[in-house]
N, C-alpha and C. Protein backbone atom coordinates (compact mmCIF):
# COMPACT_ATOMS: atom_id res chain seq x y z
N MET A 1 -10.32 -17.49 34.11
CA MET A 1 -11.21 -17.67 32.97
C MET A 1 -10.61 -16.95 31.76
N LEU A 2 -10.52 -17.64 30.65
CA LEU A 2 -9.90 -17.09 29.45
C LEU A 2 -10.88 -16.41 28.52
N GLY A 3 -12.16 -16.48 28.80
CA GLY A 3 -13.16 -15.96 27.89
C GLY A 3 -13.19 -14.44 27.85
N VAL A 4 -14.06 -13.93 27.04
CA VAL A 4 -14.22 -12.49 26.89
C VAL A 4 -15.13 -11.99 27.99
N GLY A 5 -14.66 -11.04 28.77
CA GLY A 5 -15.48 -10.45 29.82
C GLY A 5 -16.37 -9.36 29.27
N LYS A 6 -17.27 -8.88 30.12
CA LYS A 6 -18.19 -7.84 29.67
C LYS A 6 -17.47 -6.54 29.38
N GLY A 7 -16.42 -6.23 30.12
CA GLY A 7 -15.65 -5.01 29.85
C GLY A 7 -14.87 -5.10 28.56
N ASP A 8 -14.47 -6.30 28.20
CA ASP A 8 -13.71 -6.49 26.97
C ASP A 8 -14.57 -6.28 25.72
N ILE A 9 -15.87 -6.47 25.86
CA ILE A 9 -16.76 -6.31 24.71
C ILE A 9 -16.75 -4.85 24.23
N VAL A 10 -16.78 -3.91 25.16
CA VAL A 10 -16.75 -2.50 24.79
C VAL A 10 -15.42 -2.17 24.12
N ASP A 11 -14.33 -2.70 24.65
CA ASP A 11 -13.03 -2.48 24.02
C ASP A 11 -12.98 -3.07 22.62
N ASN A 12 -13.56 -4.25 22.44
CA ASN A 12 -13.58 -4.87 21.11
C ASN A 12 -14.41 -4.05 20.13
N TYR A 13 -15.56 -3.55 20.59
CA TYR A 13 -16.38 -2.69 19.73
C TYR A 13 -15.61 -1.43 19.35
N MET A 14 -14.92 -0.83 20.32
CA MET A 14 -14.18 0.40 20.02
C MET A 14 -13.06 0.15 19.01
N GLN A 15 -12.38 -0.98 19.13
CA GLN A 15 -11.33 -1.30 18.16
C GLN A 15 -11.92 -1.45 16.76
N LEU A 16 -13.07 -2.10 16.68
CA LEU A 16 -13.70 -2.28 15.37
C LEU A 16 -14.21 -0.96 14.80
N ILE A 17 -14.72 -0.08 15.66
CA ILE A 17 -15.20 1.23 15.21
C ILE A 17 -14.05 2.07 14.69
N VAL A 18 -12.93 2.06 15.41
CA VAL A 18 -11.75 2.82 14.97
C VAL A 18 -11.22 2.27 13.66
N GLN A 19 -11.18 0.95 13.53
CA GLN A 19 -10.71 0.33 12.29
C GLN A 19 -11.64 0.69 11.13
N PHE A 20 -12.94 0.64 11.37
CA PHE A 20 -13.91 1.02 10.35
C PHE A 20 -13.72 2.48 9.95
N GLY A 21 -13.48 3.34 10.95
CA GLY A 21 -13.27 4.76 10.66
C GLY A 21 -12.06 5.00 9.79
N PHE A 22 -10.95 4.33 10.10
CA PHE A 22 -9.75 4.49 9.28
C PHE A 22 -10.00 4.02 7.85
N ILE A 23 -10.71 2.92 7.69
CA ILE A 23 -10.93 2.37 6.35
C ILE A 23 -11.85 3.28 5.53
N VAL A 24 -12.96 3.73 6.11
CA VAL A 24 -13.90 4.52 5.31
C VAL A 24 -13.44 5.96 5.12
N LEU A 25 -12.73 6.52 6.10
CA LEU A 25 -12.30 7.91 5.96
C LEU A 25 -11.05 8.06 5.11
N PHE A 26 -10.12 7.12 5.24
CA PHE A 26 -8.84 7.25 4.57
C PHE A 26 -8.56 6.11 3.60
N GLY A 27 -9.58 5.42 3.16
CA GLY A 27 -9.40 4.31 2.23
C GLY A 27 -8.87 4.76 0.89
N GLY A 28 -9.19 5.96 0.48
CA GLY A 28 -8.69 6.47 -0.79
C GLY A 28 -7.21 6.82 -0.76
N VAL A 29 -6.70 7.11 0.42
CA VAL A 29 -5.30 7.47 0.57
C VAL A 29 -4.41 6.22 0.57
N PHE A 30 -4.87 5.16 1.23
CA PHE A 30 -4.10 3.92 1.31
C PHE A 30 -5.05 2.75 1.04
N PRO A 31 -5.31 2.44 -0.24
CA PRO A 31 -6.28 1.39 -0.58
C PRO A 31 -5.96 -0.01 -0.03
N PRO A 32 -4.69 -0.41 0.13
CA PRO A 32 -4.46 -1.74 0.70
C PRO A 32 -4.86 -1.87 2.17
N ALA A 33 -5.25 -0.79 2.81
CA ALA A 33 -5.64 -0.86 4.22
C ALA A 33 -6.84 -1.77 4.43
N ALA A 34 -7.78 -1.76 3.50
CA ALA A 34 -8.95 -2.63 3.63
C ALA A 34 -8.54 -4.10 3.56
N LEU A 35 -7.63 -4.41 2.67
CA LEU A 35 -7.15 -5.79 2.55
C LEU A 35 -6.38 -6.20 3.81
N LEU A 36 -5.55 -5.31 4.31
CA LEU A 36 -4.79 -5.62 5.53
C LEU A 36 -5.70 -5.78 6.74
N SER A 37 -6.72 -4.96 6.84
CA SER A 37 -7.63 -5.09 7.97
C SER A 37 -8.45 -6.38 7.87
N SER A 38 -8.82 -6.76 6.66
CA SER A 38 -9.52 -8.04 6.48
C SER A 38 -8.65 -9.21 6.91
N PHE A 39 -7.38 -9.14 6.55
CA PHE A 39 -6.44 -10.19 6.93
C PHE A 39 -6.27 -10.26 8.45
N THR A 40 -6.10 -9.11 9.10
CA THR A 40 -5.95 -9.12 10.56
C THR A 40 -7.23 -9.56 11.26
N ASN A 41 -8.40 -9.18 10.70
CA ASN A 41 -9.66 -9.63 11.29
C ASN A 41 -9.82 -11.14 11.16
N PHE A 42 -9.38 -11.70 10.04
CA PHE A 42 -9.44 -13.15 9.87
C PHE A 42 -8.57 -13.85 10.90
N ILE A 43 -7.38 -13.32 11.14
CA ILE A 43 -6.49 -13.91 12.15
C ILE A 43 -7.11 -13.79 13.54
N GLN A 44 -7.72 -12.65 13.84
CA GLN A 44 -8.34 -12.45 15.14
C GLN A 44 -9.52 -13.40 15.34
N ILE A 45 -10.33 -13.59 14.32
CA ILE A 45 -11.47 -14.50 14.42
C ILE A 45 -10.98 -15.93 14.63
N ALA A 46 -9.95 -16.32 13.89
CA ALA A 46 -9.42 -17.68 14.05
C ALA A 46 -8.86 -17.89 15.45
N SER A 47 -8.17 -16.90 15.99
CA SER A 47 -7.62 -17.06 17.34
C SER A 47 -8.72 -17.08 18.39
N GLN A 48 -9.78 -16.30 18.20
CA GLN A 48 -10.90 -16.32 19.14
C GLN A 48 -11.66 -17.64 19.08
N MET A 49 -11.81 -18.20 17.89
CA MET A 49 -12.46 -19.50 17.77
C MET A 49 -11.65 -20.57 18.49
N ARG A 50 -10.34 -20.50 18.38
CA ARG A 50 -9.48 -21.45 19.07
C ARG A 50 -9.55 -21.24 20.58
N ASN A 51 -9.64 -19.97 21.00
CA ASN A 51 -9.71 -19.65 22.42
C ASN A 51 -11.03 -20.12 23.02
N PHE A 52 -12.12 -20.10 22.25
CA PHE A 52 -13.42 -20.52 22.77
C PHE A 52 -13.44 -22.01 23.11
N SER A 53 -12.58 -22.79 22.51
CA SER A 53 -12.55 -24.22 22.83
C SER A 53 -11.96 -24.47 24.22
N TYR A 54 -11.26 -23.46 24.78
CA TYR A 54 -10.65 -23.60 26.09
C TYR A 54 -11.35 -22.81 27.18
N SER A 55 -12.35 -22.06 26.86
CA SER A 55 -13.00 -21.21 27.86
C SER A 55 -14.51 -21.37 27.80
N ARG A 56 -15.15 -20.81 28.81
CA ARG A 56 -16.61 -20.85 28.88
C ARG A 56 -17.16 -19.47 28.55
N ARG A 57 -18.33 -19.46 27.97
CA ARG A 57 -18.99 -18.19 27.68
C ARG A 57 -19.64 -17.64 28.94
N PHE A 58 -19.76 -16.33 29.00
CA PHE A 58 -20.51 -15.73 30.09
C PHE A 58 -21.99 -15.81 29.77
N LYS A 59 -22.81 -15.60 30.78
CA LYS A 59 -24.26 -15.73 30.61
C LYS A 59 -24.77 -14.68 29.62
N ALA A 60 -25.57 -15.11 28.67
CA ALA A 60 -26.10 -14.21 27.64
C ALA A 60 -27.13 -13.25 28.23
N GLU A 61 -27.12 -12.03 27.72
CA GLU A 61 -28.08 -11.02 28.13
C GLU A 61 -28.81 -10.49 26.91
N VAL A 62 -30.03 -10.05 27.11
CA VAL A 62 -30.83 -9.50 26.02
C VAL A 62 -30.43 -8.05 25.80
N SER A 63 -30.29 -7.66 24.53
CA SER A 63 -30.00 -6.26 24.22
C SER A 63 -30.79 -5.84 22.99
N ASN A 64 -30.90 -4.55 22.81
CA ASN A 64 -31.65 -4.01 21.67
C ASN A 64 -30.74 -3.59 20.53
N GLY A 65 -29.49 -3.93 20.59
CA GLY A 65 -28.55 -3.54 19.55
C GLY A 65 -27.19 -3.29 20.15
N ILE A 66 -26.41 -2.46 19.47
CA ILE A 66 -25.07 -2.19 19.95
C ILE A 66 -24.99 -0.83 20.64
N GLY A 67 -26.12 -0.24 20.94
CA GLY A 67 -26.17 0.98 21.73
C GLY A 67 -25.65 2.20 21.01
N SER A 68 -24.81 2.96 21.70
CA SER A 68 -24.32 4.22 21.15
C SER A 68 -23.31 4.02 20.03
N PHE A 69 -22.85 2.78 19.85
CA PHE A 69 -21.94 2.52 18.74
C PHE A 69 -22.65 2.68 17.39
N THR A 70 -23.96 2.54 17.38
CA THR A 70 -24.72 2.78 16.15
C THR A 70 -24.58 4.24 15.72
N ASN A 71 -24.65 5.15 16.69
CA ASN A 71 -24.49 6.57 16.37
C ASN A 71 -23.09 6.86 15.85
N CYS A 72 -22.09 6.22 16.44
CA CYS A 72 -20.72 6.40 15.97
C CYS A 72 -20.58 5.93 14.53
N LEU A 73 -21.17 4.80 14.20
CA LEU A 73 -21.10 4.28 12.83
C LEU A 73 -21.82 5.20 11.85
N GLU A 74 -22.96 5.74 12.26
CA GLU A 74 -23.69 6.66 11.38
C GLU A 74 -22.89 7.93 11.12
N ILE A 75 -22.28 8.47 12.15
CA ILE A 75 -21.47 9.69 11.99
C ILE A 75 -20.28 9.40 11.10
N LEU A 76 -19.61 8.27 11.31
CA LEU A 76 -18.45 7.93 10.48
C LEU A 76 -18.83 7.75 9.02
N THR A 77 -19.97 7.12 8.75
CA THR A 77 -20.36 6.92 7.36
C THR A 77 -20.70 8.25 6.68
N LYS A 78 -21.35 9.15 7.40
CA LYS A 78 -21.67 10.46 6.82
C LYS A 78 -20.41 11.28 6.58
N LEU A 79 -19.49 11.24 7.54
CA LEU A 79 -18.22 11.94 7.35
C LEU A 79 -17.41 11.34 6.21
N SER A 80 -17.48 10.03 6.06
CA SER A 80 -16.71 9.39 4.99
C SER A 80 -17.22 9.78 3.61
N VAL A 81 -18.52 9.97 3.47
CA VAL A 81 -19.06 10.43 2.19
C VAL A 81 -18.51 11.81 1.87
N ILE A 82 -18.49 12.67 2.87
CA ILE A 82 -17.99 14.04 2.67
C ILE A 82 -16.50 14.03 2.35
N THR A 83 -15.70 13.34 3.17
CA THR A 83 -14.26 13.37 2.97
C THR A 83 -13.85 12.69 1.67
N ASN A 84 -14.47 11.58 1.33
CA ASN A 84 -14.12 10.91 0.08
C ASN A 84 -14.54 11.73 -1.14
N SER A 85 -15.67 12.43 -1.03
CA SER A 85 -16.07 13.32 -2.13
C SER A 85 -15.08 14.47 -2.28
N LEU A 86 -14.64 15.03 -1.17
CA LEU A 86 -13.65 16.11 -1.23
C LEU A 86 -12.31 15.63 -1.78
N ILE A 87 -11.89 14.43 -1.39
CA ILE A 87 -10.65 13.89 -1.91
C ILE A 87 -10.74 13.69 -3.42
N LEU A 88 -11.87 13.15 -3.88
CA LEU A 88 -12.05 12.97 -5.33
C LEU A 88 -12.10 14.31 -6.06
N PHE A 89 -12.76 15.30 -5.47
CA PHE A 89 -12.88 16.59 -6.12
C PHE A 89 -11.53 17.30 -6.21
N PHE A 90 -10.81 17.35 -5.10
CA PHE A 90 -9.55 18.09 -5.08
C PHE A 90 -8.44 17.40 -5.85
N THR A 91 -8.53 16.12 -6.08
CA THR A 91 -7.50 15.42 -6.84
C THR A 91 -7.88 15.23 -8.31
N SER A 92 -9.06 15.70 -8.69
CA SER A 92 -9.49 15.54 -10.08
C SER A 92 -9.10 16.75 -10.91
N HIS A 93 -9.30 16.62 -12.20
CA HIS A 93 -9.00 17.73 -13.11
C HIS A 93 -10.08 18.81 -13.07
N ALA A 94 -11.26 18.47 -12.58
CA ALA A 94 -12.33 19.46 -12.52
C ALA A 94 -11.96 20.61 -11.58
N PHE A 95 -11.32 20.30 -10.48
CA PHE A 95 -10.89 21.35 -9.54
C PHE A 95 -9.85 22.25 -10.18
N GLN A 96 -8.94 21.66 -10.93
CA GLN A 96 -7.90 22.45 -11.60
C GLN A 96 -8.51 23.33 -12.68
N ARG A 97 -9.53 22.87 -13.37
CA ARG A 97 -10.18 23.67 -14.41
C ARG A 97 -10.90 24.86 -13.83
N LEU A 98 -11.42 24.71 -12.60
CA LEU A 98 -12.12 25.84 -11.96
C LEU A 98 -11.15 26.96 -11.60
N LEU A 99 -9.93 26.60 -11.27
CA LEU A 99 -8.95 27.61 -10.87
C LEU A 99 -8.25 28.27 -12.04
N VAL A 100 -8.18 27.57 -13.17
CA VAL A 100 -7.48 28.11 -14.36
C VAL A 100 -8.43 29.04 -15.08
N LYS A 101 -7.97 30.27 -15.31
CA LYS A 101 -8.80 31.23 -16.03
C LYS A 101 -8.48 31.14 -17.52
N VAL A 102 -9.53 30.98 -18.29
CA VAL A 102 -9.37 30.83 -19.74
C VAL A 102 -9.42 32.14 -20.43
């Protein structure tokens, strides 16, 4: 069977969480990363759509969300606000003015 198994779903979620973490935490350091990740995600979606024409889906199950991955996303977004604010502060002229004694 060529389809996505239940174990593969967790791996796919983890890959997306790690990619999201790199983009939100270090997006200011390498801005083209968001564009590159969008491009790779588009290629992945296209290949999965093509793969679905050759495989069968597994039986659907009811869920209340994405589980503990929600907590991971919340932590990453809060950390990204802090890290991006610190990057902006330390690379701005305001930080240099605080250290220079007039």
